[in-house]
Protein backbone atom coordinates (compact mmCIF):
# COMPACT_ATOMS: atom_id res chain seq x y z
CA MET A 1 133.28 -79.35 31.24
CA ILE A 2 130.50 -76.66 31.89
CA LYS A 3 131.20 -74.52 35.00
CA ASN A 4 127.91 -72.75 35.55
CA ARG A 5 125.28 -75.26 35.88
CA SER A 6 121.79 -75.28 37.50
CA PHE A 7 119.45 -78.02 38.52
CA LYS A 8 115.82 -77.42 39.18
CA ARG A 9 114.18 -78.36 42.70
CA ARG A 10 111.96 -81.41 42.58
CA PHE A 11 108.31 -81.41 43.61
CA THR A 12 108.04 -83.63 46.47
CA ILE A 13 105.06 -85.58 47.95
CA ALA A 14 105.12 -83.70 51.10
CA GLU A 15 105.00 -80.35 49.34
CA GLY A 16 101.97 -81.64 47.42
CA ALA A 17 100.27 -82.56 50.45
CA VAL A 18 101.03 -79.26 52.14
CA ILE A 19 99.61 -77.37 48.97
CA ALA A 20 96.42 -79.52 48.94
CA LEU A 21 95.79 -79.12 52.79
CA LEU A 22 96.36 -75.32 52.60
CA ALA A 23 94.10 -75.08 49.59
CA VAL A 24 91.23 -77.14 51.43
CA VAL A 25 91.67 -74.72 54.54
CA PHE A 26 91.61 -71.65 52.18
CA VAL A 27 88.32 -72.79 50.48
CA TYR A 28 86.74 -73.58 53.80
CA LEU A 29 87.63 -70.36 55.42
CA PHE A 30 86.69 -68.42 52.32
CA LEU A 31 83.25 -70.03 52.23
CA GLN A 32 82.76 -69.17 55.92
CA LYS A 33 83.77 -65.50 55.18
CA ASN A 34 86.39 -65.71 57.99
CA ALA A 35 89.16 -63.11 58.11
CA LEU A 36 91.68 -65.95 58.71
CA VAL A 37 91.61 -66.66 55.13
CA LEU A 38 94.69 -64.46 54.76
CA LEU A 39 96.91 -66.77 56.71
CA PRO A 40 96.48 -69.98 54.43
CA THR A 41 96.75 -67.78 51.50
CA ALA A 42 100.04 -66.33 52.53
CA LEU A 43 101.42 -69.79 53.22
CA LEU A 44 100.13 -71.22 50.08
CA VAL A 45 101.96 -68.50 48.12
CA ILE A 46 105.24 -69.05 50.00
CA VAL A 47 105.10 -72.98 49.34
CA ILE A 48 104.31 -72.55 45.78
CA GLU A 49 107.03 -70.04 45.34
CA ARG A 50 109.43 -72.24 46.93
CA VAL A 51 108.35 -75.32 44.57
CA VAL A 52 108.29 -73.31 41.39
CA HIS A 53 111.47 -71.21 41.79
CA GLY A 54 113.75 -73.53 43.78
CA GLU A 55 117.03 -74.38 42.20
CA TYR A 56 120.71 -75.43 42.79
CA VAL A 57 123.39 -73.42 40.90
CA PHE A 58 127.17 -74.33 40.61
CA ASP A 59 129.18 -71.17 39.58
CA ASP A 60 132.73 -70.43 38.24
CA ALA A 61 133.83 -69.62 41.88
CA ASP A 62 133.36 -73.37 42.88
CA LYS A 63 130.28 -72.52 44.98
CA LEU A 64 126.84 -74.15 45.24
CA SER A 65 124.15 -71.86 45.81
CA THR A 66 120.69 -73.08 46.99
CA TYR A 67 117.80 -70.79 45.91
CA ASN A 68 114.58 -71.63 47.54
CA GLY A 69 112.33 -68.82 46.05
CA ARG A 70 112.09 -65.20 46.74
CA PHE A 71 110.82 -65.41 50.46
CA ALA A 72 113.75 -67.76 51.49
CA ARG A 73 117.54 -66.76 51.68
CA THR A 74 120.01 -68.27 49.40
CA GLU A 75 122.55 -70.50 50.94
CA CYS A 76 126.01 -70.90 49.41
CA ILE A 77 128.74 -73.43 50.31
CA ASP A 78 132.30 -73.61 48.93
CA LEU A 79 132.88 -76.87 46.93
CA ALA A 80 136.20 -77.06 48.55
CA THR A 81 134.76 -77.89 51.90
CA VAL A 82 132.50 -80.62 50.76
CA VAL A 83 133.36 -83.87 52.49
CA ARG A 84 130.68 -86.33 51.20
CA VAL A 85 127.84 -86.42 48.85
CA GLU A 86 125.38 -89.24 48.61
CA CYS A 87 121.80 -90.15 47.61
CA LYS A 88 119.51 -91.19 50.50
CA ARG A 89 116.19 -92.91 50.64
CA GLN A 90 113.90 -93.20 53.41
CA LEU A 91 110.22 -94.45 54.08
CA PHE A 92 110.55 -97.47 51.64
CA GLY A 93 112.00 -95.28 48.93
CA TRP A 94 109.15 -92.81 48.90
CA ILE A 95 111.37 -90.01 50.26
CA HIS A 96 114.72 -89.48 48.38
CA TYR A 97 117.13 -86.78 48.48
CA VAL A 98 120.86 -85.88 48.14
CA GLU A 99 122.82 -85.17 51.36
CA ILE A 100 125.93 -83.08 51.30
CA GLU A 101 128.26 -82.96 54.08
CA TYR A 102 130.54 -79.99 54.27
CA GLY A 103 132.74 -77.98 56.61
CA ALA A 104 132.74 -78.94 60.26
CA GLY A 105 130.05 -81.56 60.31
CA LYS A 106 127.34 -79.38 58.59
CA ILE A 107 124.58 -81.24 56.55
CA MET A 108 122.58 -79.82 53.65
CA SER A 109 119.85 -81.76 52.07
CA VAL A 110 118.77 -80.99 48.52
CA VAL A 111 116.05 -82.39 46.18
CA PRO A 112 117.18 -81.83 42.60
CA GLN A 113 115.03 -83.23 39.71
CA GLU A 114 117.89 -85.37 38.40
CA GLU A 115 119.58 -86.78 41.59
CA GLU A 116 122.10 -89.14 39.84
CA GLU A 117 123.11 -86.50 37.44
CA PHE A 118 123.53 -83.93 40.38
CA VAL A 119 125.78 -86.25 42.31
CA LYS A 120 127.83 -87.17 39.24
CA TYR A 121 128.37 -83.55 38.39
CA ILE A 122 129.35 -82.46 41.94
CA ASN A 123 131.77 -85.34 42.17
CA GLN A 124 133.44 -84.20 38.98
CA ARG A 125 133.65 -80.60 40.24
CA LEU A 126 135.09 -82.07 43.47
CA ASP A 127 137.71 -83.95 41.54
CA GLU A 128 138.71 -80.84 39.54
CA THR A 129 139.20 -78.87 42.74
CA GLU A 130 141.46 -81.44 44.22
CA GLU A 131 143.74 -81.29 41.23
């Protein structure tokens, strides 16, 4: 089995709405020649960076690293501490993500493009670490 594996982050409806809203605010402030145009521009860059460059990486050291772009810190969790992994759906199925419980009741939510494959892969890695 492949030890080093990465999954790209999925583009969600909420992120699309934030990008659209910030773009509208940017255009409005730009047309008004307002100096506050820099604020939505910076936020727009941060959100787009997170969406485009977000990924989840499994490495040889049995760690899952979540990378959320250049402006956010990378989080690493040890696969040996993972207690539960499951797909969650909310708001009539519009919002879906993978919930990972690890350590002493800590919970991490991830939104990979291929949720079922992500859960299958992490369960395979967990089975390997138990043996």
